[in-house]
PDB file of all heavy atoms in Angstrom:
ATOM      1  N   GLN A   1     -10.800  -6.112   4.975  1.00  0.00           N
ATOM      2  CA  GLN A   1      -9.494  -5.607   5.412  1.00  0.00           C
ATOM      3  C   GLN A   1      -8.937  -4.504   4.513  1.00  0.00           C
ATOM      4  O   GLN A   1      -8.411  -3.508   4.981  1.00  0.00           O
ATOM      5  CB  GLN A   1      -8.485  -6.761   5.505  1.00  0.00           C
ATOM      6  CG  GLN A   1      -7.082  -6.342   5.941  1.00  0.00           C
ATOM      7  CD  GLN A   1      -7.064  -5.757   7.331  1.00  0.00           C
ATOM      8  OE1 GLN A   1      -7.711  -6.272   8.241  1.00  0.00           O
ATOM      9  NE2 GLN A   1      -6.341  -4.666   7.528  1.00  0.00           N
ATOM     10  N   PHE A   2      -9.083  -4.696   3.206  1.00  0.00           N
ATOM     11  CA  PHE A   2      -8.342  -3.879   2.240  1.00  0.00           C
ATOM     12  C   PHE A   2      -9.194  -2.877   1.496  1.00  0.00           C
ATOM     13  O   PHE A   2      -8.745  -1.766   1.199  1.00  0.00           O
ATOM     14  CB  PHE A   2      -7.665  -4.821   1.245  1.00  0.00           C
ATOM     15  CG  PHE A   2      -6.599  -4.186   0.403  1.00  0.00           C
ATOM     16  CD1 PHE A   2      -5.321  -3.980   0.892  1.00  0.00           C
ATOM     17  CD2 PHE A   2      -6.848  -3.801  -0.922  1.00  0.00           C
ATOM     18  CE1 PHE A   2      -4.322  -3.412   0.122  1.00  0.00           C
ATOM     19  CE2 PHE A   2      -5.880  -3.226  -1.710  1.00  0.00           C
ATOM     20  CZ  PHE A   2      -4.601  -3.035  -1.181  1.00  0.00           C
ATOM     21  N   ALA A   3     -10.430  -3.233   1.196  1.00  0.00           N
ATOM     22  CA  ALA A   3     -11.221  -2.415   0.262  1.00  0.00           C
ATOM     23  C   ALA A   3     -12.714  -2.492   0.567  1.00  0.00           C
ATOM     24  O   ALA A   3     -13.531  -2.817  -0.296  1.00  0.00           O
ATOM     25  CB  ALA A   3     -10.958  -2.868  -1.171  1.00  0.00           C
ATOM     26  N   ALA A   4     -13.091  -2.150   1.790  1.00  0.00           N
ATOM     27  CA  ALA A   4     -14.468  -2.302   2.223  1.00  0.00           C
ATOM     28  C   ALA A   4     -15.453  -1.393   1.476  1.00  0.00           C
ATOM     29  O   ALA A   4     -16.655  -1.681   1.437  1.00  0.00           O
ATOM     30  CB  ALA A   4     -14.563  -2.053   3.723  1.00  0.00           C
ATOM     31  N   ASP A   5     -14.961  -0.327   0.873  1.00  0.00           N
ATOM     32  CA  ASP A   5     -15.829   0.605   0.155  1.00  0.00           C
ATOM     33  C   ASP A   5     -15.785   0.404  -1.366  1.00  0.00           C
ATOM     34  O   ASP A   5     -16.228   1.279  -2.124  1.00  0.00           O
ATOM     35  CB  ASP A   5     -15.483   2.041   0.498  1.00  0.00           C
ATOM     36  CG  ASP A   5     -13.994   2.365   0.305  1.00  0.00           C
ATOM     37  OD1 ASP A   5     -13.207   1.430   0.042  1.00  0.00           O
ATOM     38  OD2 ASP A   5     -13.623   3.548   0.417  1.00  0.00           O
ATOM     39  N   VAL A   6     -15.303  -0.748  -1.801  1.00  0.00           N
ATOM     40  CA  VAL A   6     -15.263  -1.105  -3.229  1.00  0.00           C
ATOM     41  C   VAL A   6     -16.272  -2.215  -3.448  1.00  0.00           C
ATOM     42  O   VAL A   6     -16.419  -3.121  -2.611  1.00  0.00           O
ATOM     43  CB  VAL A   6     -13.849  -1.579  -3.614  1.00  0.00           C
ATOM     44  CG1 VAL A   6     -13.818  -2.024  -5.083  1.00  0.00           C
ATOM     45  CG2 VAL A   6     -12.840  -0.451  -3.375  1.00  0.00           C
ATOM     46  N   PRO A   7     -17.044  -2.180  -4.567  1.00  0.00           N
ATOM     47  CA  PRO A   7     -18.051  -3.211  -4.813  1.00  0.00           C
ATOM     48  C   PRO A   7     -17.456  -4.630  -4.748  1.00  0.00           C
ATOM     49  O   PRO A   7     -16.343  -4.871  -5.185  1.00  0.00           O
ATOM     50  CB  PRO A   7     -18.538  -2.880  -6.218  1.00  0.00           C
ATOM     51  CG  PRO A   7     -18.317  -1.401  -6.353  1.00  0.00           C
ATOM     52  CD  PRO A   7     -17.040  -1.133  -5.599  1.00  0.00           C
ATOM     53  N   ARG A   8     -18.251  -5.575  -4.235  1.00  0.00           N
ATOM     54  CA  ARG A   8     -17.750  -6.915  -4.002  1.00  0.00           C
ATOM     55  C   ARG A   8     -17.300  -7.606  -5.294  1.00  0.00           C
ATOM     56  O   ARG A   8     -16.302  -8.348  -5.287  1.00  0.00           O
ATOM     57  CB  ARG A   8     -18.836  -7.766  -3.314  1.00  0.00           C
ATOM     58  CG  ARG A   8     -18.349  -9.163  -2.931  1.00  0.00           C
ATOM     59  CD  ARG A   8     -19.340  -9.890  -2.070  1.00  0.00           C
ATOM     60  NE  ARG A   8     -19.518  -9.240  -0.791  1.00  0.00           N
ATOM     61  CZ  ARG A   8     -18.690  -9.396   0.258  1.00  0.00           C
ATOM     62  NH1 ARG A   8     -17.606 -10.137   0.126  1.00  0.00           N
ATOM     63  NH2 ARG A   8     -18.914  -8.764   1.400  1.00  0.00           N
ATOM     64  N   ASN A   9     -18.004  -7.389  -6.404  1.00  0.00           N
ATOM     65  CA  ASN A   9     -17.578  -8.058  -7.633  1.00  0.00           C
ATOM     66  C   ASN A   9     -16.170  -7.626  -8.040  1.00  0.00           C
ATOM     67  O   ASN A   9     -15.421  -8.401  -8.631  1.00  0.00           O
ATOM     68  CB  ASN A   9     -18.574  -7.796  -8.769  1.00  0.00           C
ATOM     69  CG  ASN A   9     -18.698  -6.337  -9.135  1.00  0.00           C
ATOM     70  OD1 ASN A   9     -18.267  -5.438  -8.399  1.00  0.00           O
ATOM     71  ND2 ASN A   9     -19.307  -6.064 -10.283  1.00  0.00           N
ATOM     72  N   ARG A  10     -15.786  -6.417  -7.671  1.00  0.00           N
ATOM     73  CA  ARG A  10     -14.442  -5.962  -7.989  1.00  0.00           C
ATOM     74  C   ARG A  10     -13.430  -6.483  -6.961  1.00  0.00           C
ATOM     75  O   ARG A  10     -12.315  -6.869  -7.323  1.00  0.00           O
ATOM     76  CB  ARG A  10     -14.381  -4.444  -8.057  1.00  0.00           C
ATOM     77  CG  ARG A  10     -13.024  -3.927  -8.490  1.00  0.00           C
ATOM     78  CD  ARG A  10     -13.062  -2.505  -8.963  1.00  0.00           C
ATOM     79  NE  ARG A  10     -11.788  -2.093  -9.509  1.00  0.00           N
ATOM     80  CZ  ARG A  10     -11.498  -0.881  -9.936  1.00  0.00           C
ATOM     81  NH1 ARG A  10     -12.435   0.059  -9.891  1.00  0.00           N
ATOM     82  NH2 ARG A  10     -10.307  -0.585 -10.405  1.00  0.00           N
ATOM     83  N   THR A  11     -13.778  -6.458  -5.689  1.00  0.00           N
ATOM     84  CA  THR A  11     -12.832  -6.917  -4.677  1.00  0.00           C
ATOM     85  C   THR A  11     -12.580  -8.434  -4.801  1.00  0.00           C
ATOM     86  O   THR A  11     -11.495  -8.903  -4.432  1.00  0.00           O
ATOM     87  CB  THR A  11     -13.310  -6.603  -3.269  1.00  0.00           C
ATOM     88  OG1 THR A  11     -14.600  -7.195  -3.032  1.00  0.00           O
ATOM     89  CG2 THR A  11     -13.385  -5.103  -3.053  1.00  0.00           C
ATOM     90  N   ASP A  12     -13.562  -9.175  -5.309  1.00  0.00           N
ATOM     91  CA  ASP A  12     -13.341 -10.600  -5.556  1.00  0.00           C
ATOM     92  C   ASP A  12     -12.208 -10.805  -6.553  1.00  0.00           C
ATOM     93  O   ASP A  12     -11.364 -11.689  -6.391  1.00  0.00           O
ATOM     94  CB  ASP A  12     -14.608 -11.259  -6.081  1.00  0.00           C
ATOM     95  CG  ASP A  12     -15.659 -11.462  -4.987  1.00  0.00           C
ATOM     96  OD1 ASP A  12     -15.321 -11.285  -3.795  1.00  0.00           O
ATOM     97  OD2 ASP A  12     -16.839 -11.756  -5.320  1.00  0.00           O
ATOM     98  N   LEU A  13     -12.165  -9.958  -7.597  1.00  0.00           N
ATOM     99  CA  LEU A  13     -11.077 -10.018  -8.590  1.00  0.00           C
ATOM    100  C   LEU A  13      -9.769  -9.528  -7.976  1.00  0.00           C
ATOM    101  O   LEU A  13      -8.700 -10.088  -8.230  1.00  0.00           O
ATOM    102  CB  LEU A  13     -11.431  -9.161  -9.821  1.00  0.00           C
ATOM    103  CG  LEU A  13     -12.566  -9.656 -10.693  1.00  0.00           C
ATOM    104  CD1 LEU A  13     -12.871  -8.640 -11.786  1.00  0.00           C
ATOM    105  CD2 LEU A  13     -12.211 -11.011 -11.312  1.00  0.00           C
ATOM    106  N   MET A  14      -9.832  -8.470  -7.185  1.00  0.00           N
ATOM    107  CA  MET A  14      -8.622  -7.924  -6.565  1.00  0.00           C
ATOM    108  C   MET A  14      -7.990  -8.947  -5.632  1.00  0.00           C
ATOM    109  O   MET A  14      -6.753  -9.056  -5.556  1.00  0.00           O
ATOM    110  CB  MET A  14      -8.963  -6.642  -5.792  1.00  0.00           C
ATOM    111  CG  MET A  14      -9.337  -5.465  -6.657  1.00  0.00           C
ATOM    112  SD  MET A  14     -10.052  -4.092  -5.712  1.00  0.00           S
ATOM    113  CE  MET A  14      -8.683  -3.615  -4.654  1.00  0.00           C
ATOM    114  N   ALA A  15      -8.803  -9.716  -4.933  1.00  0.00           N
ATOM    115  CA  ALA A  15      -8.279 -10.745  -4.010  1.00  0.00           C
ATOM    116  C   ALA A  15      -7.527 -11.812  -4.781  1.00  0.00           C
ATOM    117  O   ALA A  15      -6.469 -12.294  -4.347  1.00  0.00           O
ATOM    118  CB  ALA A  15      -9.410 -11.340  -3.200  1.00  0.00           C
ATOM    119  N   VAL A  16      -8.051 -12.199  -5.929  1.00  0.00           N
ATOM    120  CA  VAL A  16      -7.440 -13.257  -6.719  1.00  0.00           C
ATOM    121  C   VAL A  16      -6.149 -12.786  -7.360  1.00  0.00           C
ATOM    122  O   VAL A  16      -5.179 -13.538  -7.477  1.00  0.00           O
ATOM    123  CB  VAL A  16      -8.433 -13.766  -7.820  1.00  0.00           C
ATOM    124  CG1 VAL A  16      -7.730 -14.696  -8.793  1.00  0.00           C
ATOM    125  CG2 VAL A  16      -9.614 -14.460  -7.158  1.00  0.00           C
ATOM    126  N   THR A  17      -6.104 -11.527  -7.775  1.00  0.00           N
ATOM    127  CA  THR A  17      -4.940 -11.015  -8.527  1.00  0.00           C
ATOM    128  C   THR A  17      -3.940 -10.259  -7.639  1.00  0.00           C
ATOM    129  O   THR A  17      -2.994  -9.676  -8.148  1.00  0.00           O
ATOM    130  CB  THR A  17      -5.405 -10.075  -9.655  1.00  0.00           C
ATOM    131  OG1 THR A  17      -6.140  -8.967  -9.095  1.00  0.00           O
ATOM    132  CG2 THR A  17      -6.286 -10.801 -10.665  1.00  0.00           C
ATOM    133  N   GLN A  18      -4.158 -10.255  -6.327  1.00  0.00           N
ATOM    134  CA  GLN A  18      -3.261  -9.503  -5.454  1.00  0.00           C
ATOM    135  C   GLN A  18      -1.818  -9.958  -5.589  1.00  0.00           C
ATOM    136  O   GLN A  18      -1.515 -11.132  -5.797  1.00  0.00           O
ATOM    137  CB  GLN A  18      -3.712  -9.653  -3.979  1.00  0.00           C
ATOM    138  CG  GLN A  18      -3.551 -11.037  -3.412  1.00  0.00           C
ATOM    139  CD  GLN A  18      -3.922 -11.103  -1.932  1.00  0.00           C
ATOM    140  OE1 GLN A  18      -3.209 -10.568  -1.084  1.00  0.00           O
ATOM    141  NE2 GLN A  18      -5.050 -11.750  -1.645  1.00  0.00           N
ATOM    142  N   ARG A  19      -0.892  -8.988  -5.475  1.00  0.00           N
ATOM    143  CA  ARG A  19       0.538  -9.269  -5.504  1.00  0.00           C
ATOM    144  C   ARG A  19       1.043  -9.434  -4.074  1.00  0.00           C
ATOM    145  O   ARG A  19       0.848  -8.519  -3.255  1.00  0.00           O
ATOM    146  CB  ARG A  19       1.279  -8.133  -6.187  1.00  0.00           C
ATOM    147  CG  ARG A  19       0.989  -7.956  -7.663  1.00  0.00           C
ATOM    148  CD  ARG A  19       1.893  -8.818  -8.533  1.00  0.00           C
ATOM    149  NE  ARG A  19       3.286  -8.589  -8.210  1.00  0.00           N
ATOM    150  CZ  ARG A  19       4.001  -7.524  -8.654  1.00  0.00           C
ATOM    151  NH1 ARG A  19       3.419  -6.583  -9.405  1.00  0.00           N
ATOM    152  NH2 ARG A  19       5.265  -7.384  -8.327  1.00  0.00           N
ATOM    153  N   PRO A  20       1.676 -10.530  -3.732  1.00  0.00           N
ATOM    154  CA  PRO A  20       2.209 -10.685  -2.376  1.00  0.00           C
ATOM    155  C   PRO A  20       3.425  -9.832  -2.145  1.00  0.00           C
ATOM    156  O   PRO A  20       4.155  -9.501  -3.064  1.00  0.00           O
ATOM    157  CB  PRO A  20       2.545 -12.161  -2.301  1.00  0.00           C
ATOM    158  CG  PRO A  20       2.930 -12.509  -3.709  1.00  0.00           C
ATOM    159  CD  PRO A  20       2.004 -11.692  -4.588  1.00  0.00           C
ATOM    160  N   VAL A  21       3.645  -9.490  -0.879  1.00  0.00           N
ATOM    161  CA  VAL A  21       4.854  -8.771  -0.460  1.00  0.00           C
ATOM    162  C   VAL A  21       5.608  -9.707   0.467  1.00  0.00           C
ATOM    163  O   VAL A  21       5.022 -10.511   1.198  1.00  0.00           O
ATOM    164  CB  VAL A  21       4.497  -7.454   0.258  1.00  0.00           C
ATOM    165  CG1 VAL A  21       3.741  -7.705   1.554  1.00  0.00           C
ATOM    166  CG2 VAL A  21       5.737  -6.612   0.502  1.00  0.00           C
ATOM    167  N   THR A  22       6.926  -9.649   0.456  1.00  0.00           N
ATOM    168  CA  THR A  22       7.687 -10.468   1.371  1.00  0.00           C
ATOM    169  C   THR A  22       7.661  -9.861   2.765  1.00  0.00           C
ATOM    170  O   THR A  22       7.580  -8.631   2.922  1.00  0.00           O
ATOM    171  CB  THR A  22       9.166 -10.607   0.921  1.00  0.00           C
ATOM    172  OG1 THR A  22       9.814  -9.333   1.035  1.00  0.00           O
ATOM    173  CG2 THR A  22       9.254 -11.126  -0.504  1.00  0.00           C
ATOM    174  N   SER A  23       7.723 -10.717   3.767  1.00  0.00           N
ATOM    175  CA  SER A  23       7.767 -10.233   5.134  1.00  0.00           C
ATOM    176  C   SER A  23       9.054  -9.412   5.345  1.00  0.00           C
ATOM    177  O   SER A  23       9.052  -8.450   6.134  1.00  0.00           O
ATOM    178  CB  SER A  23       7.712 -11.405   6.115  1.00  0.00           C
ATOM    179  OG  SER A  23       8.778 -12.311   5.894  1.00  0.00           O
ATOM    180  N   ALA A  24      10.119  -9.765   4.639  1.00  0.00           N
ATOM    181  CA  ALA A  24      11.369  -9.042   4.772  1.00  0.00           C
ATOM    182  C   ALA A  24      11.247  -7.594   4.282  1.00  0.00           C
ATOM    183  O   ALA A  24      11.831  -6.675   4.858  1.00  0.00           O
ATOM    184  CB  ALA A  24      12.481  -9.744   3.989  1.00  0.00           C
ATOM    185  N   ALA A  25      10.486  -7.375   3.208  1.00  0.00           N
ATOM    186  CA  ALA A  25      10.305  -6.016   2.692  1.00  0.00           C
ATOM    187  C   ALA A  25       9.610  -5.134   3.704  1.00  0.00           C
ATOM    188  O   ALA A  25       9.982  -3.951   3.899  1.00  0.00           O
ATOM    189  CB  ALA A  25       9.511  -6.064   1.388  1.00  0.00           C
ATOM    190  N   LEU A  26       8.591  -5.652   4.380  1.00  0.00           N
ATOM    191  CA  LEU A  26       7.837  -4.881   5.343  1.00  0.00           C
ATOM    192  C   LEU A  26       8.644  -4.615   6.623  1.00  0.00           C
ATOM    193  O   LEU A  26       8.372  -3.660   7.347  1.00  0.00           O
ATOM    194  CB  LEU A  26       6.528  -5.585   5.706  1.00  0.00           C
ATOM    195  CG  LEU A  26       5.536  -5.775   4.564  1.00  0.00           C
ATOM    196  CD1 LEU A  26       4.262  -6.425   5.076  1.00  0.00           C
ATOM    197  CD2 LEU A  26       5.213  -4.439   3.881  1.00  0.00           C
ATOM    198  N   ALA A  27       9.633  -5.468   6.894  1.00  0.00           N
ATOM    199  CA  ALA A  27      10.424  -5.326   8.106  1.00  0.00           C
ATOM    200  C   ALA A  27      11.719  -4.564   7.888  1.00  0.00           C
ATOM    201  O   ALA A  27      12.425  -4.226   8.857  1.00  0.00           O
ATOM    202  CB  ALA A  27      10.742  -6.717   8.672  1.00  0.00           C
ATOM    203  N   GLU A  28      12.070  -4.245   6.647  1.00  0.00           N
ATOM    204  CA  GLU A  28      13.343  -3.587   6.342  1.00  0.00           C
ATOM    205  C   GLU A  28      13.290  -2.106   6.671  1.00  0.00           C
ATOM    206  O   GLU A  28      12.324  -1.398   6.313  1.00  0.00           O
ATOM    207  CB  GLU A  28      13.704  -3.782   4.867  1.00  0.00           C
ATOM    208  CG  GLU A  28      15.066  -3.231   4.499  1.00  0.00           C
ATOM    209  CD  GLU A  28      15.414  -3.491   3.034  1.00  0.00           C
ATOM    210  OE1 GLU A  28      14.776  -4.347   2.395  1.00  0.00           O
ATOM    211  OE2 GLU A  28      16.354  -2.830   2.535  1.00  0.00           O
ATOM    212  N   GLY A  29      14.334  -1.612   7.293  1.00  0.00           N
ATOM    213  CA  GLY A  29      14.407  -0.182   7.648  1.00  0.00           C
ATOM    214  C   GLY A  29      14.662   0.691   6.440  1.00  0.00           C
ATOM    215  O   GLY A  29      15.342   0.285   5.492  1.00  0.00           O
ATOM    216  N   ALA A  30      14.110   1.879   6.480  1.00  0.00           N
ATOM    217  CA  ALA A  30      14.218   2.817   5.356  1.00  0.00           C
ATOM    218  C   ALA A  30      15.563   3.528   5.343  1.00  0.00           C
ATOM    219  O   ALA A  30      16.245   3.673   6.375  1.00  0.00           O
ATOM    220  CB  ALA A  30      13.102   3.842   5.423  1.00  0.00           C
ATOM    221  N   ALA A  31      15.952   3.992   4.175  1.00  0.00           N
ATOM    222  CA  ALA A  31      17.119   4.853   4.023  1.00  0.00           C
ATOM    223  C   ALA A  31      16.743   6.292   4.279  1.00  0.00           C
ATOM    224  O   ALA A  31      15.602   6.593   4.696  1.00  0.00           O
ATOM    225  CB  ALA A  31      17.703   4.672   2.613  1.00  0.00           C
ATOM    226  N   GLU A  32      17.684   7.204   4.053  1.00  0.00           N
ATOM    227  CA  GLU A  32      17.408   8.639   4.250  1.00  0.00           C
ATOM    228  C   GLU A  32      16.227   9.060   3.371  1.00  0.00           C
ATOM    229  O   GLU A  32      16.253   8.876   2.155  1.00  0.00           O
ATOM    230  CB  GLU A  32      18.634   9.473   3.905  1.00  0.00           C
ATOM    231  CG  GLU A  32      18.514  10.937   4.245  1.00  0.00           C
ATOM    232  CD  GLU A  32      18.474  11.200   5.753  1.00  0.00           C
ATOM    233  OE1 GLU A  32      18.933  10.344   6.545  1.00  0.00           O
ATOM    234  OE2 GLU A  32      17.957  12.261   6.136  1.00  0.00           O
ATOM    235  N   PRO A  33      15.149   9.597   3.956  1.00  0.00           N
ATOM    236  CA  PRO A  33      13.924   9.835   3.176  1.00  0.00           C
ATOM    237  C   PRO A  33      13.961  11.107   2.351  1.00  0.00           C
ATOM    238  O   PRO A  33      14.448  12.149   2.795  1.00  0.00           O
ATOM    239  CB  PRO A  33      12.842   9.897   4.255  1.00  0.00           C
ATOM    240  CG  PRO A  33      13.551  10.429   5.461  1.00  0.00           C
ATOM    241  CD  PRO A  33      14.958   9.869   5.396  1.00  0.00           C
ATOM    242  N   ALA A  34      13.352  11.025   1.166  1.00  0.00           N
ATOM    243  CA  ALA A  34      13.319  12.172   0.244  1.00  0.00           C
ATOM    244  C   ALA A  34      12.378  13.254   0.729  1.00  0.00           C
ATOM    245  O   ALA A  34      12.517  14.420   0.322  1.00  0.00           O
ATOM    246  CB  ALA A  34      12.904  11.715  -1.144  1.00  0.00           C
ATOM    247  N   TRP A  35      11.395  12.916   1.608  1.00  0.00           N
ATOM    248  CA  TRP A  35      10.448  13.942   2.028  1.00  0.00           C
ATOM    249  C   TRP A  35      11.103  15.034   2.882  1.00  0.00           C
ATOM    250  O   TRP A  35      10.491  16.074   3.127  1.00  0.00           O
ATOM    251  CB  TRP A  35       9.257  13.339   2.781  1.00  0.00           C
ATOM    252  CG  TRP A  35       9.534  12.375   3.897  1.00  0.00           C
ATOM    253  CD1 TRP A  35       9.437  11.021   3.858  1.00  0.00           C
ATOM    254  CD2 TRP A  35       9.928  12.699   5.245  1.00  0.00           C
ATOM    255  NE1 TRP A  35       9.740  10.466   5.087  1.00  0.00           N
ATOM    256  CE2 TRP A  35      10.040  11.459   5.955  1.00  0.00           C
ATOM    257  CE3 TRP A  35      10.190  13.886   5.919  1.00  0.00           C
ATOM    258  CZ2 TRP A  35      10.413  11.399   7.298  1.00  0.00           C
ATOM    259  CZ3 TRP A  35      10.573  13.826   7.261  1.00  0.00           C
ATOM    260  CH2 TRP A  35      10.679  12.592   7.941  1.00  0.00           C
ATOM    261  N   LYS A  36      12.339  14.836   3.283  1.00  0.00           N
ATOM    262  CA  LYS A  36      13.056  15.874   4.015  1.00  0.00           C
ATOM    263  C   LYS A  36      13.499  17.025   3.130  1.00  0.00           C
ATOM    264  O   LYS A  36      13.760  18.133   3.613  1.00  0.00           O
ATOM    265  CB  LYS A  36      14.255  15.283   4.744  1.00  0.00           C
ATOM    266  CG  LYS A  36      13.876  14.378   5.916  1.00  0.00           C
ATOM    267  CD  LYS A  36      15.104  13.969   6.713  1.00  0.00           C
ATOM    268  CE  LYS A  36      14.720  13.159   7.939  1.00  0.00           C
ATOM    269  NZ  LYS A  36      15.887  12.773   8.747  1.00  0.00           N
ATOM    270  N   THR A  37      13.608  16.779   1.845  1.00  0.00           N
ATOM    271  CA  THR A  37      14.093  17.789   0.907  1.00  0.00           C
ATOM    272  C   THR A  37      13.130  18.098  -0.240  1.00  0.00           C
ATOM    273  O   THR A  37      13.308  19.076  -0.956  1.00  0.00           O
ATOM    274  CB  THR A  37      15.449  17.372   0.297  1.00  0.00           C
ATOM    275  OG1 THR A  37      15.287  16.083  -0.323  1.00  0.00           O
ATOM    276  CG2 THR A  37      16.508  17.271   1.394  1.00  0.00           C
ATOM    277  N   ILE A  38      12.118  17.264  -0.453  1.00  0.00           N
ATOM    278  CA  ILE A  38      11.181  17.440  -1.548  1.00  0.00           C
ATOM    279  C   ILE A  38       9.787  17.703  -0.964  1.00  0.00           C
ATOM    280  O   ILE A  38       9.364  16.993  -0.057  1.00  0.00           O
ATOM    281  CB  ILE A  38      11.150  16.190  -2.467  1.00  0.00           C
ATOM    282  CG1 ILE A  38      12.540  15.930  -3.056  1.00  0.00           C
ATOM    283  CG2 ILE A  38      10.125  16.357  -3.583  1.00  0.00           C
ATOM    284  CD1 ILE A  38      12.635  14.615  -3.847  1.00  0.00           C
ATOM    285  N   PRO A  39       9.042  18.690  -1.462  1.00  0.00           N
ATOM    286  CA  PRO A  39       7.691  18.953  -0.957  1.00  0.00           C
ATOM    287  C   PRO A  39       6.798  17.733  -1.045  1.00  0.00           C
ATOM    288  O   PRO A  39       6.864  16.986  -2.021  1.00  0.00           O
ATOM    289  CB  PRO A  39       7.182  20.082  -1.852  1.00  0.00           C
ATOM    290  CG  PRO A  39       8.418  20.719  -2.416  1.00  0.00           C
ATOM    291  CD  PRO A  39       9.422  19.644  -2.534  1.00  0.00           C
ATOM    292  N   SER A  40       5.970  17.529  -0.002  1.00  0.00           N
ATOM    293  CA  SER A  40       5.147  16.330   0.026  1.00  0.00           C
ATOM    294  C   SER A  40       3.688  16.656   0.304  1.00  0.00           C
ATOM    295  O   SER A  40       3.357  17.651   0.967  1.00  0.00           O
ATOM    296  CB  SER A  40       5.671  15.351   1.082  1.00  0.00           C
ATOM    297  OG  SER A  40       5.710  15.957   2.356  1.00  0.00           O
ATOM    298  N   TRP A  41       2.833  15.783  -0.237  1.00  0.00           N
ATOM    299  CA  TRP A  41       1.387  15.849  -0.061  1.00  0.00           C
ATOM    300  C   TRP A  41       0.929  14.496   0.499  1.00  0.00           C
ATOM    301  O   TRP A  41       1.425  13.447   0.059  1.00  0.00           O
ATOM    302  CB  TRP A  41       0.681  16.138  -1.374  1.00  0.00           C
ATOM    303  CG  TRP A  41       0.650  17.569  -1.769  1.00  0.00           C
ATOM    304  CD1 TRP A  41      -0.409  18.406  -1.735  1.00  0.00           C
ATOM    305  CD2 TRP A  41       1.748  18.345  -2.271  1.00  0.00           C
ATOM    306  NE1 TRP A  41      -0.062  19.651  -2.179  1.00  0.00           N
ATOM    307  CE2 TRP A  41       1.257  19.659  -2.509  1.00  0.00           C
ATOM    308  CE3 TRP A  41       3.092  18.085  -2.525  1.00  0.00           C
ATOM    309  CZ2 TRP A  41       2.073  20.693  -2.987  1.00  0.00           C
ATOM    310  CZ3 TRP A  41       3.910  19.107  -2.984  1.00  0.00           C
ATOM    311  CH2 TRP A  41       3.391  20.383  -3.233  1.00  0.00           C
ATOM    312  N   VAL A  42      -0.016  14.528   1.442  1.00  0.00           N
ATOM    313  CA  VAL A  42      -0.529  13.287   2.067  1.00  0.00           C
ATOM    314  C   VAL A  42      -2.038  13.280   1.991  1.00  0.00           C
ATOM    315  O   VAL A  42      -2.695  14.278   2.322  1.00  0.00           O
ATOM    316  CB  VAL A  42      -0.062  13.181   3.533  1.00  0.00           C
ATOM    317  CG1 VAL A  42      -0.810  12.037   4.233  1.00  0.00           C
ATOM    318  CG2 VAL A  42       1.435  12.934   3.612  1.00  0.00           C
ATOM    319  N   LEU A  43      -2.588  12.148   1.574  1.00  0.00           N
ATOM    320  CA  LEU A  43      -4.031  11.923   1.635  1.00  0.00           C
ATOM    321  C   LEU A  43      -4.247  10.801   2.661  1.00  0.00           C
ATOM    322  O   LEU A  43      -3.817   9.662   2.463  1.00  0.00           O
ATOM    323  CB  LEU A  43      -4.590  11.518   0.289  1.00  0.00           C
ATOM    324  CG  LEU A  43      -6.096  11.238   0.261  1.00  0.00           C
ATOM    325  CD1 LEU A  43      -6.906  12.497   0.659  1.00  0.00           C
ATOM    326  CD2 LEU A  43      -6.569  10.760  -1.112  1.00  0.00           C
ATOM    327  N   VAL A  44      -4.906  11.156   3.757  1.00  0.00           N
ATOM    328  CA  VAL A  44      -5.199  10.205   4.826  1.00  0.00           C
ATOM    329  C   VAL A  44      -6.530   9.500   4.555  1.00  0.00           C
ATOM    330  O   VAL A  44      -7.541  10.162   4.329  1.00  0.00           O
ATOM    331  CB  VAL A  44      -5.259  10.917   6.193  1.00  0.00           C
ATOM    332  CG1 VAL A  44      -5.664   9.943   7.310  1.00  0.00           C
ATOM    333  CG2 VAL A  44      -3.936  11.586   6.520  1.00  0.00           C
ATOM    334  N   ALA A  45      -6.505   8.183   4.566  1.00  0.00           N
ATOM    335  CA  ALA A  45      -7.743   7.379   4.420  1.00  0.00           C
ATOM    336  C   ALA A  45      -8.243   7.080   5.821  1.00  0.00           C
ATOM    337  O   ALA A  45      -7.620   6.310   6.568  1.00  0.00           O
ATOM    338  CB  ALA A  45      -7.462   6.106   3.653  1.00  0.00           C
TER     339      ALA A  45
END
């Protein structure tokens, strides 16, 4: 799901040490975004 192109010995550690996020954080609406006034760069995976 998260890191299919990373070696398994490393993803095994990443899975154990992952930091959880609250469902509320992912569902909360954003405030006025800074990308409207500050230049932005995006890297699409």
